[in-house]
PDB file of N, CA and C in Angstrom:
ATOM      1  N   MET A   1       0.654  -1.117  -0.148  1.00  0.00           N
ATOM      2  CA  MET A   1      -0.108   0.063  -0.042  1.00  0.00           C
ATOM      3  C   MET A   1       0.807   0.948  -0.114  1.00  0.00           C
ATOM      4  N   ILE A   2       0.310   2.055  -0.849  1.00  0.00           N
ATOM      5  CA  ILE A   2       1.344   3.681  -1.109  1.00  0.00           C
ATOM      6  C   ILE A   2       0.485   4.531  -0.289  1.00  0.00           C
ATOM      7  N   SER A   3       1.061   5.470   0.839  1.00  0.00           N
ATOM      8  CA  SER A   3       0.307   6.408   1.250  1.00  0.00           C
ATOM      9  C   SER A   3       0.629   7.892   0.706  1.00  0.00           C
ATOM     10  N   LEU A   4       0.184   8.221   0.195  1.00  0.00           N
ATOM     11  CA  LEU A   4       0.462  10.230  -0.086  1.00  0.00           C
ATOM     12  C   LEU A   4      -0.452  11.126   0.827  1.00  0.00           C
ATOM     13  N   LYS A   5       0.448  11.716   1.674  1.00  0.00           N
ATOM     14  CA  LYS A   5      -0.325  12.979   2.788  1.00  0.00           C
ATOM     15  C   LYS A   5      -0.021  14.311   1.887  1.00  0.00           C
ATOM     16  N   TYR A   6      -0.755  14.813   1.626  1.00  0.00           N
ATOM     17  CA  TYR A   6      -0.860  16.363   1.206  1.00  0.00           C
ATOM     18  C   TYR A   6      -1.425  17.229   1.576  1.00  0.00           C
ATOM     19  N   TYR A   7      -0.913  18.855   1.875  1.00  0.00           N
ATOM     20  CA  TYR A   7      -1.296  20.063   2.595  1.00  0.00           C
ATOM     21  C   TYR A   7      -2.373  20.166   1.517  1.00  0.00           C
ATOM     22  N   ASP A   8      -3.510  20.253   1.442  1.00  0.00           N
ATOM     23  CA  ASP A   8      -4.776  21.214   0.561  1.00  0.00           C
ATOM     24  C   ASP A   8      -4.961  22.387   0.933  1.00  0.00           C
ATOM     25  N   GLN A   9      -4.114  23.728   0.219  1.00  0.00           N
ATOM     26  CA  GLN A   9      -4.360  24.837   0.603  1.00  0.00           C
ATOM     27  C   GLN A   9      -5.339  25.776   0.224  1.00  0.00           C
ATOM     28  N   ASP A  10      -6.473  25.142  -0.222  1.00  0.00           N
ATOM     29  CA  ASP A  10      -7.977  25.942  -0.389  1.00  0.00           C
ATOM     30  C   ASP A  10      -8.578  25.466   0.936  1.00  0.00           C
ATOM     31  N   THR A  11      -8.996  23.976   1.306  1.00  0.00           N
ATOM     32  CA  THR A  11      -9.069  23.811   2.895  1.00  0.00           C
ATOM     33  C   THR A  11      -8.478  24.472   3.852  1.00  0.00           C
ATOM     34  N   ALA A  12      -7.284  24.237   3.792  1.00  0.00           N
ATOM     35  CA  ALA A  12      -6.384  24.542   4.605  1.00  0.00           C
ATOM     36  C   ALA A  12      -6.407  22.959   5.737  1.00  0.00           C
ATOM     37  N   GLU A  13      -6.252  22.073   5.079  1.00  0.00           N
ATOM     38  CA  GLU A  13      -6.339  20.439   5.820  1.00  0.00           C
ATOM     39  C   GLU A  13      -5.640  19.725   5.107  1.00  0.00           C
ATOM     40  N   SER A  14      -4.883  18.716   5.814  1.00  0.00           N
ATOM     41  CA  SER A  14      -4.021  17.653   5.130  1.00  0.00           C
ATOM     42  C   SER A  14      -4.729  16.387   4.697  1.00  0.00           C
ATOM     43  N   LYS A  15      -4.852  16.154   3.881  1.00  0.00           N
ATOM     44  CA  LYS A  15      -5.166  14.815   2.894  1.00  0.00           C
ATOM     45  C   LYS A  15      -4.666  13.409   2.738  1.00  0.00           C
ATOM     46  N   LYS A  16      -4.983  12.669   2.912  1.00  0.00           N
ATOM     47  CA  LYS A  16      -4.416  11.506   2.454  1.00  0.00           C
ATOM     48  C   LYS A  16      -4.898  10.678   1.673  1.00  0.00           C
ATOM     49  N   ILE A  17      -4.006  10.535   0.409  1.00  0.00           N
ATOM     50  CA  ILE A  17      -4.413   9.126  -0.827  1.00  0.00           C
ATOM     51  C   ILE A  17      -3.944   8.029  -0.429  1.00  0.00           C
ATOM     52  N   LEU A  18      -4.675   6.617  -0.514  1.00  0.00           N
ATOM     53  CA  LEU A  18      -4.223   5.177  -0.283  1.00  0.00           C
ATOM     54  C   LEU A  18      -4.290   4.914  -1.660  1.00  0.00           C
ATOM     55  N   ILE A  19      -3.149   4.089  -1.737  1.00  0.00           N
ATOM     56  CA  ILE A  19      -3.161   3.254  -3.292  1.00  0.00           C
ATOM     57  C   ILE A  19      -2.631   2.062  -3.048  1.00  0.00           C
ATOM     58  N   LEU A  20      -3.634   1.454  -3.738  1.00  0.00           N
ATOM     59  CA  LEU A  20      -3.104  -0.462  -3.279  1.00  0.00           C
ATOM     60  C   LEU A  20      -2.869  -0.717  -5.092  1.00  0.00           C
ATOM     61  N   PRO A  21      -1.840  -1.140  -5.325  1.00  0.00           N
ATOM     62  CA  PRO A  21      -1.256  -1.498  -6.776  1.00  0.00           C
ATOM     63  C   PRO A  21      -1.341  -2.761  -7.046  1.00  0.00           C
ATOM     64  N   SER A  22      -1.579  -3.344  -7.584  1.00  0.00           N
ATOM     65  CA  SER A  22      -1.945  -4.930  -8.123  1.00  0.00           C
ATOM     66  C   SER A  22      -0.301  -5.151  -8.821  1.00  0.00           C
ATOM     67  N   MET A  23      -0.154  -6.991  -9.210  1.00  0.00           N
ATOM     68  CA  MET A  23       1.059  -7.330  -9.064  1.00  0.00           C
ATOM     69  C   MET A  23       1.656  -7.181 -10.418  1.00  0.00           C
ATOM     70  N   SER A  24       0.815  -6.264 -11.087  1.00  0.00           N
ATOM     71  CA  SER A  24       1.199  -6.029 -12.652  1.00  0.00           C
ATOM     72  C   SER A  24       1.445  -4.481 -12.672  1.00  0.00           C
ATOM     73  N   ASP A  25       1.500  -3.861 -11.391  1.00  0.00           N
ATOM     74  CA  ASP A  25       1.841  -2.011 -11.895  1.00  0.00           C
ATOM     75  C   ASP A  25       3.605  -2.030 -11.381  1.00  0.00           C
ATOM     76  N   GLN A  26       3.768  -0.793 -12.355  1.00  0.00           N
ATOM     77  CA  GLN A  26       5.258  -0.552 -12.321  1.00  0.00           C
ATOM     78  C   GLN A  26       6.171  -1.158 -10.656  1.00  0.00           C
ATOM     79  N   MET A  27       5.401  -0.430  -9.878  1.00  0.00           N
ATOM     80  CA  MET A  27       5.985  -0.772  -8.650  1.00  0.00           C
ATOM     81  C   MET A  27       6.842  -2.137  -8.398  1.00  0.00           C
ATOM     82  N   PHE A  28       6.411  -3.353  -9.163  1.00  0.00           N
ATOM     83  CA  PHE A  28       6.996  -4.461  -9.243  1.00  0.00           C
ATOM     84  C   PHE A  28       7.668  -5.087 -10.055  1.00  0.00           C
ATOM     85  N   LYS A  29       8.152  -3.931 -11.055  1.00  0.00           N
ATOM     86  CA  LYS A  29       8.952  -4.378 -11.851  1.00  0.00           C
ATOM     87  C   LYS A  29      10.166  -3.598 -11.527  1.00  0.00           C
ATOM     88  N   PHE A  30      11.230  -4.191 -11.428  1.00  0.00           N
ATOM     89  CA  PHE A  30      12.506  -3.535 -10.797  1.00  0.00           C
ATOM     90  C   PHE A  30      13.390  -3.100 -12.015  1.00  0.00           C
ATOM     91  N   ASN A  31      13.375  -2.038 -12.097  1.00  0.00           N
ATOM     92  CA  ASN A  31      14.283  -1.084 -12.847  1.00  0.00           C
ATOM     93  C   ASN A  31      14.590  -0.455 -12.808  1.00  0.00           C
ATOM     94  N   PHE A  32      15.975  -0.990 -11.930  1.00  0.00           N
ATOM     95  CA  PHE A  32      17.111   0.222 -10.982  1.00  0.00           C
ATOM     96  C   PHE A  32      17.432   1.583 -11.863  1.00  0.00           C
ATOM     97  N   GLY A  33      17.848   1.352 -13.293  1.00  0.00           N
ATOM     98  CA  GLY A  33      18.325   2.257 -13.520  1.00  0.00           C
ATOM     99  C   GLY A  33      17.394   3.369 -14.404  1.00  0.00           C
ATOM    100  N   ARG A  34      15.725   3.267 -14.246  1.00  0.00           N
ATOM    101  CA  ARG A  34      15.020   4.299 -14.464  1.00  0.00           C
ATOM    102  C   ARG A  34      14.152   4.707 -13.473  1.00  0.00           C
ATOM    103  N   GLU A  35      13.447   6.149 -13.572  1.00  0.00           N
ATOM    104  CA  GLU A  35      12.659   6.372 -12.931  1.00  0.00           C
ATOM    105  C   GLU A  35      11.170   5.954 -12.979  1.00  0.00           C
ATOM    106  N   LEU A  36      10.116   5.573 -12.098  1.00  0.00           N
ATOM    107  CA  LEU A  36       9.068   5.014 -12.516  1.00  0.00           C
ATOM    108  C   LEU A  36       8.070   6.543 -12.360  1.00  0.00           C
ATOM    109  N   GLU A  37       7.149   6.237 -13.001  1.00  0.00           N
ATOM    110  CA  GLU A  37       6.226   7.594 -13.602  1.00  0.00           C
ATOM    111  C   GLU A  37       5.701   7.986 -12.178  1.00  0.00           C
ATOM    112  N   MET A  38       5.514   7.528 -11.697  1.00  0.00           N
ATOM    113  CA  MET A  38       5.256   8.073  -9.926  1.00  0.00           C
ATOM    114  C   MET A  38       5.940   8.930  -9.370  1.00  0.00           C
ATOM    115  N   THR A  39       7.318   8.700  -9.095  1.00  0.00           N
ATOM    116  CA  THR A  39       8.419   9.461  -9.009  1.00  0.00           C
ATOM    117  C   THR A  39       8.284  10.643  -9.908  1.00  0.00           C
ATOM    118  N   LYS A  40       8.205  10.278 -11.165  1.00  0.00           N
ATOM    119  CA  LYS A  40       8.465  12.028 -12.057  1.00  0.00           C
ATOM    120  C   LYS A  40       7.336  12.691 -11.663  1.00  0.00           C
ATOM    121  N   PHE A  41       5.892  12.442 -11.391  1.00  0.00           N
ATOM    122  CA  PHE A  41       4.551  13.199 -11.229  1.00  0.00           C
ATOM    123  C   PHE A  41       5.096  13.947  -9.755  1.00  0.00           C
ATOM    124  N   ILE A  42       5.245  12.858  -8.735  1.00  0.00           N
ATOM    125  CA  ILE A  42       5.451  13.338  -7.545  1.00  0.00           C
ATOM    126  C   ILE A  42       6.483  14.387  -7.874  1.00  0.00           C
ATOM    127  N   ARG A  43       7.768  14.365  -8.274  1.00  0.00           N
ATOM    128  CA  ARG A  43       8.897  15.100  -8.211  1.00  0.00           C
ATOM    129  C   ARG A  43       8.167  16.719  -8.974  1.00  0.00           C
ATOM    130  N   ASP A  44       7.317  16.371 -10.069  1.00  0.00           N
ATOM    131  CA  ASP A  44       6.919  17.551 -10.852  1.00  0.00           C
ATOM    132  C   ASP A  44       5.769  18.811  -9.977  1.00  0.00           C
ATOM    133  N   ARG A  45       5.177  18.106  -9.205  1.00  0.00           N
ATOM    134  CA  ARG A  45       4.262  18.399  -8.299  1.00  0.00           C
ATOM    135  C   ARG A  45       5.008  19.044  -7.760  1.00  0.00           C
ATOM    136  N   ILE A  46       6.086  18.650  -6.438  1.00  0.00           N
ATOM    137  CA  ILE A  46       6.759  19.404  -5.775  1.00  0.00           C
ATOM    138  C   ILE A  46       7.112  20.547  -6.262  1.00  0.00           C
ATOM    139  N   MET A  47       7.843  20.738  -7.805  1.00  0.00           N
ATOM    140  CA  MET A  47       8.736  21.413  -8.524  1.00  0.00           C
ATOM    141  C   MET A  47       7.433  22.398  -8.571  1.00  0.00           C
ATOM    142  N   GLU A  48       6.136  22.131  -8.803  1.00  0.00           N
ATOM    143  CA  GLU A  48       5.599  23.339  -9.088  1.00  0.00           C
ATOM    144  C   GLU A  48       4.873  24.054  -7.858  1.00  0.00           C
ATOM    145  N   SER A  49       4.911  23.315  -6.624  1.00  0.00           N
ATOM    146  CA  SER A  49       4.555  23.971  -5.202  1.00  0.00           C
ATOM    147  C   SER A  49       6.068  24.851  -4.663  1.00  0.00           C
ATOM    148  N   ASN A  50       7.123  24.263  -4.963  1.00  0.00           N
ATOM    149  CA  ASN A  50       8.567  24.765  -4.276  1.00  0.00           C
ATOM    150  C   ASN A  50       9.661  24.933  -5.412  1.00  0.00           C
ATOM    151  N   PRO A  51       9.584  26.161  -6.047  1.00  0.00           N
ATOM    152  CA  PRO A  51      10.420  26.774  -7.065  1.00  0.00           C
ATOM    153  C   PRO A  51      12.175  26.252  -6.675  1.00  0.00           C
ATOM    154  N   ASN A  52      12.430  26.337  -5.529  1.00  0.00           N
ATOM    155  CA  ASN A  52      13.732  26.314  -5.168  1.00  0.00           C
ATOM    156  C   ASN A  52      14.083  24.823  -4.498  1.00  0.00           C
ATOM    157  N   TYR A  53      13.457  23.661  -5.085  1.00  0.00           N
ATOM    158  CA  TYR A  53      13.729  22.475  -5.043  1.00  0.00           C
ATOM    159  C   TYR A  53      14.438  22.038  -6.231  1.00  0.00           C
ATOM    160  N   SER A  54      15.751  21.010  -5.661  1.00  0.00           N
ATOM    161  CA  SER A  54      16.794  20.581  -6.196  1.00  0.00           C
ATOM    162  C   SER A  54      16.957  18.826  -6.498  1.00  0.00           C
ATOM    163  N   LYS A  55      16.725  18.410  -7.610  1.00  0.00           N
ATOM    164  CA  LYS A  55      16.459  17.515  -8.093  1.00  0.00           C
ATOM    165  C   LYS A  55      17.908  16.261  -7.414  1.00  0.00           C
ATOM    166  N   GLU A  56      19.132  17.408  -7.447  1.00  0.00           N
ATOM    167  CA  GLU A  56      20.350  17.073  -6.725  1.00  0.00           C
ATOM    168  C   GLU A  56      20.388  16.795  -5.490  1.00  0.00           C
ATOM    169  N   LEU A  57      19.312  16.848  -4.774  1.00  0.00           N
ATOM    170  CA  LEU A  57      19.635  16.885  -3.506  1.00  0.00           C
ATOM    171  C   LEU A  57      18.545  15.863  -2.664  1.00  0.00           C
ATOM    172  N   GLU A  58      18.283  14.537  -3.867  1.00  0.00           N
ATOM    173  CA  GLU A  58      17.359  13.428  -3.608  1.00  0.00           C
ATOM    174  C   GLU A  58      18.459  12.517  -3.488  1.00  0.00           C
ATOM    175  N   PRO A  59      17.997  11.278  -2.442  1.00  0.00           N
ATOM    176  CA  PRO A  59      19.244  10.076  -2.347  1.00  0.00           C
ATOM    177  C   PRO A  59      19.012   9.263  -4.090  1.00  0.00           C
ATOM    178  N   SER A  60      20.259   8.788  -3.942  1.00  0.00           N
ATOM    179  CA  SER A  60      20.679   7.843  -5.041  1.00  0.00           C
ATOM    180  C   SER A  60      19.515   7.081  -4.787  1.00  0.00           C
ATOM    181  N   ARG A  61      18.749   6.470  -6.347  1.00  0.00           N
ATOM    182  CA  ARG A  61      18.205   5.143  -6.484  1.00  0.00           C
ATOM    183  C   ARG A  61      19.081   3.713  -5.985  1.00  0.00           C
ATOM    184  N   TRP A  62      20.102   3.886  -6.215  1.00  0.00           N
ATOM    185  CA  TRP A  62      21.227   2.815  -5.805  1.00  0.00           C
ATOM    186  C   TRP A  62      21.303   2.804  -4.211  1.00  0.00           C
ATOM    187  N   LEU A  63      21.053   3.526  -3.594  1.00  0.00           N
ATOM    188  CA  LEU A  63      21.470   3.524  -2.579  1.00  0.00           C
ATOM    189  C   LEU A  63      20.574   2.381  -1.187  1.00  0.00           C
ATOM    190  N   PRO A  64      19.347   1.704  -1.773  1.00  0.00           N
ATOM    191  CA  PRO A  64      18.933   0.652  -1.105  1.00  0.00           C
ATOM    192  C   PRO A  64      19.394  -0.264  -1.725  1.00  0.00           C
ATOM    193  N   ALA A  65      20.143  -0.658  -2.663  1.00  0.00           N
ATOM    194  CA  ALA A  65      20.542  -1.803  -3.436  1.00  0.00           C
ATOM    195  C   ALA A  65      22.023  -1.553  -2.778  1.00  0.00           C
ATOM    196  N   GLY A  66      22.804  -1.037  -2.597  1.00  0.00           N
ATOM    197  CA  GLY A  66      23.842  -0.580  -2.016  1.00  0.00           C
ATOM    198  C   GLY A  66      24.099  -1.525  -0.586  1.00  0.00           C
ATOM    199  N   LEU A  67      22.841  -0.854  -0.027  1.00  0.00           N
ATOM    200  CA  LEU A  67      22.639  -1.178   1.611  1.00  0.00           C
ATOM    201  C   LEU A  67      22.300  -2.550   2.014  1.00  0.00           C
ATOM    202  N   ILE A  68      21.413  -2.853   0.753  1.00  0.00           N
ATOM    203  CA  ILE A  68      21.543  -4.537   1.288  1.00  0.00           C
ATOM    204  C   ILE A  68      22.652  -5.238   0.769  1.00  0.00           C
ATOM    205  N   PHE A  69      23.339  -5.008  -0.419  1.00  0.00           N
ATOM    206  CA  PHE A  69      24.669  -5.604  -0.880  1.00  0.00           C
ATOM    207  C   PHE A  69      25.424  -5.479   0.246  1.00  0.00           C
ATOM    208  N   ILE A  70      25.958  -4.227   0.968  1.00  0.00           N
ATOM    209  CA  ILE A  70      26.778  -4.241   2.092  1.00  0.00           C
ATOM    210  C   ILE A  70      26.678  -4.811   3.369  1.00  0.00           C
ATOM    211  N   THR A  71      25.125  -4.858   3.669  1.00  0.00           N
ATOM    212  CA  THR A  71      24.711  -5.531   4.765  1.00  0.00           C
ATOM    213  C   THR A  71      24.895  -7.052   4.941  1.00  0.00           C
ATOM    214  N   GLY A  72      24.707  -7.480   3.468  1.00  0.00           N
ATOM    215  CA  GLY A  72      24.729  -8.713   3.493  1.00  0.00           C
ATOM    216  C   GLY A  72      26.357  -9.732   3.066  1.00  0.00           C
ATOM    217  N   ILE A  73      27.184  -8.651   3.258  1.00  0.00           N
ATOM    218  CA  ILE A  73      28.243  -9.663   2.987  1.00  0.00           C
ATOM    219  C   ILE A  73      28.867 -10.190   4.511  1.00  0.00           C
ATOM    220  N   PRO A  74      28.417  -9.330   5.713  1.00  0.00           N
ATOM    221  CA  PRO A  74      28.797  -9.780   6.839  1.00  0.00           C
ATOM    222  C   PRO A  74      27.974 -11.177   7.267  1.00  0.00           C
ATOM    223  N   ALA A  75      26.876 -11.088   6.943  1.00  0.00           N
ATOM    224  CA  ALA A  75      25.863 -12.037   7.078  1.00  0.00           C
ATOM    225  C   ALA A  75      26.201 -13.507   6.325  1.00  0.00           C
ATOM    226  N   PHE A  76      26.830 -12.925   5.083  1.00  0.00           N
ATOM    227  CA  PHE A  76      26.993 -14.311   4.302  1.00  0.00           C
ATOM    228  C   PHE A  76      28.398 -14.917   4.913  1.00  0.00           C
ATOM    229  N   LEU A  77      29.607 -13.785   5.233  1.00  0.00           N
ATOM    230  CA  LEU A  77      30.743 -14.106   6.036  1.00  0.00           C
ATOM    231  C   LEU A  77      30.502 -15.092   6.922  1.00  0.00           C
ATOM    232  N   PHE A  78      29.654 -14.541   7.869  1.00  0.00           N
ATOM    233  CA  PHE A  78      29.180 -15.280   9.177  1.00  0.00           C
ATOM    234  C   PHE A  78      28.451 -16.685   9.058  1.00  0.00           C
ATOM    235  N   MET A  79      28.122 -16.748   8.297  1.00  0.00           N
ATOM    236  CA  MET A  79      27.430 -18.204   7.388  1.00  0.00           C
ATOM    237  C   MET A  79      28.436 -18.851   7.249  1.00  0.00           C
ATOM    238  N   ASN A  80      29.472 -18.520   6.538  1.00  0.00           N
ATOM    239  CA  ASN A  80      30.448 -19.522   5.744  1.00  0.00           C
ATOM    240  C   ASN A  80      31.067 -19.987   6.950  1.00  0.00           C
ATOM    241  N   VAL A  81      31.217 -18.636   7.868  1.00  0.00           N
ATOM    242  CA  VAL A  81      32.365 -19.474   8.739  1.00  0.00           C
ATOM    243  C   VAL A  81      31.881 -19.970   9.835  1.00  0.00           C
ATOM    244  N   TYR A  82      30.912 -19.593  10.414  1.00  0.00           N
ATOM    245  CA  TYR A  82      29.955 -20.761  11.848  1.00  0.00           C
ATOM    246  C   TYR A  82      29.373 -21.401  11.563  1.00  0.00           C
ATOM    247  N   PHE A  83      28.897 -21.992  10.019  1.00  0.00           N
ATOM    248  CA  PHE A  83      27.824 -23.034   9.911  1.00  0.00           C
ATOM    249  C   PHE A  83      28.479 -23.994   8.739  1.00  0.00           C
TER     250      PHE A  83
END
């Protein structure tokens, strides 16, 4: 489930959108080198409301994969040494 929370300036209240994607949606197609359409849409909406926003300040899309790899190395070594 994807939860998007935003502030509605017209009504002065926060609203939440809940999305339940299907298995055939982009979320389940792992294309690490490409941006998802939802990411582009959200970034465009942020840039419309905040012109000072910079894409360069976003974390790398490779960061989660790199962290999984780095934390997996000690686990792999531990399993091979002790089991």
